[in-house]
C-alpha atoms as a PDB file:
ATOM      1  CA  UNK A   1     -30.007 -26.246   1.290  1.00  0.00           C
ATOM      2  CA  UNK A   2     -30.419 -22.982   3.157  1.00  0.00           C
ATOM      3  CA  UNK A   3     -30.141 -19.377   2.067  1.00  0.00           C
ATOM      4  CA  UNK A   4     -27.055 -19.067   4.238  1.00  0.00           C
ATOM      5  CA  UNK A   5     -23.950 -17.675   2.534  1.00  0.00           C
ATOM      6  CA  UNK A   6     -20.355 -18.336   3.565  1.00  0.00           C
ATOM      7  CA  UNK A   7     -16.994 -16.574   3.434  1.00  0.00           C
ATOM      8  CA  UNK A   8     -13.602 -18.191   2.843  1.00  0.00           C
ATOM      9  CA  UNK A   9     -12.852 -17.360   6.503  1.00  0.00           C
ATOM     10  CA  UNK A  10     -15.740 -19.654   7.572  1.00  0.00           C
ATOM     11  CA  UNK A  11     -18.222 -16.991   8.626  1.00  0.00           C
ATOM     12  CA  UNK A  12     -21.843 -17.388   7.582  1.00  0.00           C
ATOM     13  CA  UNK A  13     -24.448 -14.761   6.762  1.00  0.00           C
ATOM     14  CA  UNK A  14     -28.232 -14.973   6.665  1.00  0.00           C
ATOM     15  CA  UNK A  15     -29.972 -11.953   5.208  1.00  0.00           C
ATOM     16  CA  UNK A  16     -33.430 -10.707   6.136  1.00  0.00           C
ATOM     17  CA  UNK A  17     -34.163  -7.467   4.303  1.00  0.00           C
ATOM     18  CA  UNK A  18     -31.160  -5.210   4.905  1.00  0.00           C
ATOM     19  CA  UNK A  19     -30.070  -7.056   8.071  1.00  0.00           C
ATOM     20  CA  UNK A  20     -27.373  -9.737   7.963  1.00  0.00           C
ATOM     21  CA  UNK A  21     -26.996 -12.157  10.861  1.00  0.00           C
ATOM     22  CA  UNK A  22     -23.370 -13.328  11.130  1.00  0.00           C
ATOM     23  CA  UNK A  23     -21.866 -16.387  12.799  1.00  0.00           C
ATOM     24  CA  UNK A  24     -19.161 -18.969  12.236  1.00  0.00           C
ATOM     25  CA  UNK A  25     -19.639 -22.266  10.466  1.00  0.00           C
ATOM     26  CA  UNK A  26     -19.809 -25.657  12.096  1.00  0.00           C
ATOM     27  CA  UNK A  27     -16.418 -26.365  10.525  1.00  0.00           C
ATOM     28  CA  UNK A  28     -14.926 -23.271  12.184  1.00  0.00           C
ATOM     29  CA  UNK A  29     -16.312 -24.043  15.640  1.00  0.00           C
ATOM     30  CA  UNK A  30     -15.063 -27.624  15.301  1.00  0.00           C
ATOM     31  CA  UNK A  31     -11.558 -26.373  14.446  1.00  0.00           C
ATOM     32  CA  UNK A  32     -11.610 -23.976  17.402  1.00  0.00           C
ATOM     33  CA  UNK A  33     -12.659 -26.531  19.987  1.00  0.00           C
ATOM     34  CA  UNK A  34     -14.563 -25.549  23.117  1.00  0.00           C
ATOM     35  CA  UNK A  35     -15.320 -21.820  23.034  1.00  0.00           C
ATOM     36  CA  UNK A  36     -14.718 -20.220  26.430  1.00  0.00           C
ATOM     37  CA  UNK A  37     -14.968 -16.473  25.715  1.00  0.00           C
ATOM     38  CA  UNK A  38     -16.544 -14.182  23.107  1.00  0.00           C
ATOM     39  CA  UNK A  39     -15.780 -10.477  22.695  1.00  0.00           C
ATOM     40  CA  UNK A  40     -18.574  -8.688  20.847  1.00  0.00           C
ATOM     41  CA  UNK A  41     -18.528  -5.209  19.264  1.00  0.00           C
ATOM     42  CA  UNK A  42     -20.635  -2.309  20.448  1.00  0.00           C
ATOM     43  CA  UNK A  43     -23.929  -1.647  18.707  1.00  0.00           C
ATOM     44  CA  UNK A  44     -23.706   1.334  16.380  1.00  0.00           C
ATOM     45  CA  UNK A  45     -20.163   0.466  15.327  1.00  0.00           C
ATOM     46  CA  UNK A  46     -19.511   0.519  11.593  1.00  0.00           C
ATOM     47  CA  UNK A  47     -17.488  -2.431  10.315  1.00  0.00           C
ATOM     48  CA  UNK A  48     -15.831  -2.720   6.945  1.00  0.00           C
ATOM     49  CA  UNK A  49     -16.030  -5.890   4.923  1.00  0.00           C
ATOM     50  CA  UNK A  50     -13.383  -8.388   6.077  1.00  0.00           C
ATOM     51  CA  UNK A  51     -12.687  -6.287   9.190  1.00  0.00           C
ATOM     52  CA  UNK A  52     -12.506  -7.975  12.590  1.00  0.00           C
ATOM     53  CA  UNK A  53     -15.966  -7.804  14.135  1.00  0.00           C
ATOM     54  CA  UNK A  54     -15.588 -10.176  17.114  1.00  0.00           C
ATOM     55  CA  UNK A  55     -13.013 -12.254  18.941  1.00  0.00           C
ATOM     56  CA  UNK A  56     -13.566 -15.861  19.966  1.00  0.00           C
ATOM     57  CA  UNK A  57     -11.336 -17.641  22.467  1.00  0.00           C
ATOM     58  CA  UNK A  58     -11.324 -21.390  22.800  1.00  0.00           C
ATOM     59  CA  UNK A  59      -9.328 -23.896  24.760  1.00  0.00           C
ATOM     60  CA  UNK A  60      -7.045 -24.093  21.694  1.00  0.00           C
ATOM     61  CA  UNK A  61      -6.614 -20.480  20.553  1.00  0.00           C
ATOM     62  CA  UNK A  62      -8.053 -17.024  20.067  1.00  0.00           C
ATOM     63  CA  UNK A  63      -9.489 -16.247  16.662  1.00  0.00           C
ATOM     64  CA  UNK A  64     -11.025 -13.256  14.943  1.00  0.00           C
ATOM     65  CA  UNK A  65     -14.478 -13.291  13.394  1.00  0.00           C
ATOM     66  CA  UNK A  66     -14.484 -11.075  10.321  1.00  0.00           C
ATOM     67  CA  UNK A  67     -17.436  -9.195   8.898  1.00  0.00           C
ATOM     68  CA  UNK A  68     -18.295 -10.878   5.584  1.00  0.00           C
ATOM     69  CA  UNK A  69     -20.215  -7.719   4.630  1.00  0.00           C
ATOM     70  CA  UNK A  70     -19.785  -4.056   5.541  1.00  0.00           C
ATOM     71  CA  UNK A  71     -22.405  -2.491   7.740  1.00  0.00           C
ATOM     72  CA  UNK A  72     -23.471  -1.095  11.069  1.00  0.00           C
ATOM     73  CA  UNK A  73     -23.772  -3.360  14.096  1.00  0.00           C
ATOM     74  CA  UNK A  74     -27.443  -3.173  15.061  1.00  0.00           C
ATOM     75  CA  UNK A  75     -27.543  -6.099  17.495  1.00  0.00           C
ATOM     76  CA  UNK A  76     -25.145  -8.428  19.290  1.00  0.00           C
ATOM     77  CA  UNK A  77     -25.877 -11.828  20.777  1.00  0.00           C
ATOM     78  CA  UNK A  78     -25.304 -10.923  24.412  1.00  0.00           C
ATOM     79  CA  UNK A  79     -26.198 -14.469  25.477  1.00  0.00           C
ATOM     80  CA  UNK A  80     -22.750 -15.528  24.232  1.00  0.00           C
ATOM     81  CA  UNK A  81     -21.059 -13.461  26.936  1.00  0.00           C
ATOM     82  CA  UNK A  82     -22.593 -15.621  29.682  1.00  0.00           C
ATOM     83  CA  UNK A  83     -22.716 -18.844  27.639  1.00  0.00           C
ATOM     84  CA  UNK A  84     -20.002 -18.871  24.944  1.00  0.00           C
ATOM     85  CA  UNK A  85     -20.517 -22.640  24.510  1.00  0.00           C
ATOM     86  CA  UNK A  86     -23.601 -21.780  22.416  1.00  0.00           C
ATOM     87  CA  UNK A  87     -21.161 -21.239  19.548  1.00  0.00           C
ATOM     88  CA  UNK A  88     -20.213 -24.936  19.741  1.00  0.00           C
ATOM     89  CA  UNK A  89     -23.682 -26.257  20.512  1.00  0.00           C
ATOM     90  CA  UNK A  90     -25.561 -24.377  17.778  1.00  0.00           C
ATOM     91  CA  UNK A  91     -23.199 -22.413  15.497  1.00  0.00           C
ATOM     92  CA  UNK A  92     -25.850 -21.877  12.817  1.00  0.00           C
ATOM     93  CA  UNK A  93     -28.600 -20.916  15.267  1.00  0.00           C
ATOM     94  CA  UNK A  94     -28.269 -19.665  18.842  1.00  0.00           C
ATOM     95  CA  UNK A  95     -24.508 -19.236  18.366  1.00  0.00           C
ATOM     96  CA  UNK A  96     -24.766 -16.203  16.044  1.00  0.00           C
ATOM     97  CA  UNK A  97     -22.568 -13.198  16.890  1.00  0.00           C
ATOM     98  CA  UNK A  98     -23.871  -9.967  15.368  1.00  0.00           C
ATOM     99  CA  UNK A  99     -26.544  -8.478  13.159  1.00  0.00           C
ATOM    100  CA  UNK A 100     -25.407  -5.853  10.675  1.00  0.00           C
ATOM    101  CA  UNK A 101     -27.379  -3.372   8.617  1.00  0.00           C
ATOM    102  CA  UNK A 102     -25.803  -4.028   5.227  1.00  0.00           C
ATOM    103  CA  UNK A 103     -24.203  -1.032   3.505  1.00  0.00           C
ATOM    104  CA  UNK A 104     -24.267  -2.492  -0.003  1.00  0.00           C
ATOM    105  CA  UNK A 105     -26.260  -5.640  -0.885  1.00  0.00           C
ATOM    106  CA  UNK A 106     -24.073  -6.258  -3.943  1.00  0.00           C
ATOM    107  CA  UNK A 107     -21.247  -7.470  -1.694  1.00  0.00           C
ATOM    108  CA  UNK A 108     -23.237 -10.652  -1.007  1.00  0.00           C
ATOM    109  CA  UNK A 109     -22.459 -11.815  -4.556  1.00  0.00           C
ATOM    110  CA  UNK A 110     -18.880 -12.660  -3.546  1.00  0.00           C
ATOM    111  CA  UNK A 111     -19.972 -15.114  -0.843  1.00  0.00           C
ATOM    112  CA  UNK A 112     -20.494 -18.852  -1.369  1.00  0.00           C
ATOM    113  CA  UNK A 113     -23.770 -20.727  -1.132  1.00  0.00           C
ATOM    114  CA  UNK A 114     -23.841 -23.927   0.927  1.00  0.00           C
ATOM    115  CA  UNK A 115     -22.917 -26.184  -2.000  1.00  0.00           C
ATOM    116  CA  UNK A 116     -19.933 -24.030  -2.975  1.00  0.00           C
ATOM    117  CA  UNK A 117     -18.829 -23.843   0.664  1.00  0.00           C
ATOM    118  CA  UNK A 118     -18.909 -27.642   0.991  1.00  0.00           C
ATOM    119  CA  UNK A 119     -16.775 -27.896  -2.159  1.00  0.00           C
ATOM    120  CA  UNK A 120     -14.386 -25.303  -0.681  1.00  0.00           C
ATOM    121  CA  UNK A 121     -14.075 -27.351   2.534  1.00  0.00           C
ATOM    122  CA  UNK A 122     -13.328 -30.471   0.475  1.00  0.00           C
ATOM    123  CA  UNK A 123     -10.478 -28.588  -1.230  1.00  0.00           C
ATOM    124  CA  UNK A 124      -8.994 -27.759   2.169  1.00  0.00           C
ATOM    125  CA  UNK A 125      -8.764 -31.379   3.256  1.00  0.00           C
END
């Protein structure tokens, strides 16, 4: 089990201090299919919790990536612009989207740990 937390919209968050790295789950990238384009926000942008932070386009559809926590964008994964397939190849590693400086750490309490997320996925089947 990891310290990764998940939203009901299939985003994941890993927290290091007051910085949250955000990506989409393996389940989400699998549902999307081959990712062909990623639109990232500008650094310095403030995002509200559950607000669209990024856009991902795949061969199947375009989909929004929502911010599971509110904060300021402090870093984006620019490598995804040139190689959006990283989202498919390594969604929990090199396929991350943004790093946010978390406004309020208490909002993490509403996210699911890995075990709860797996149970949630089982409910969806």
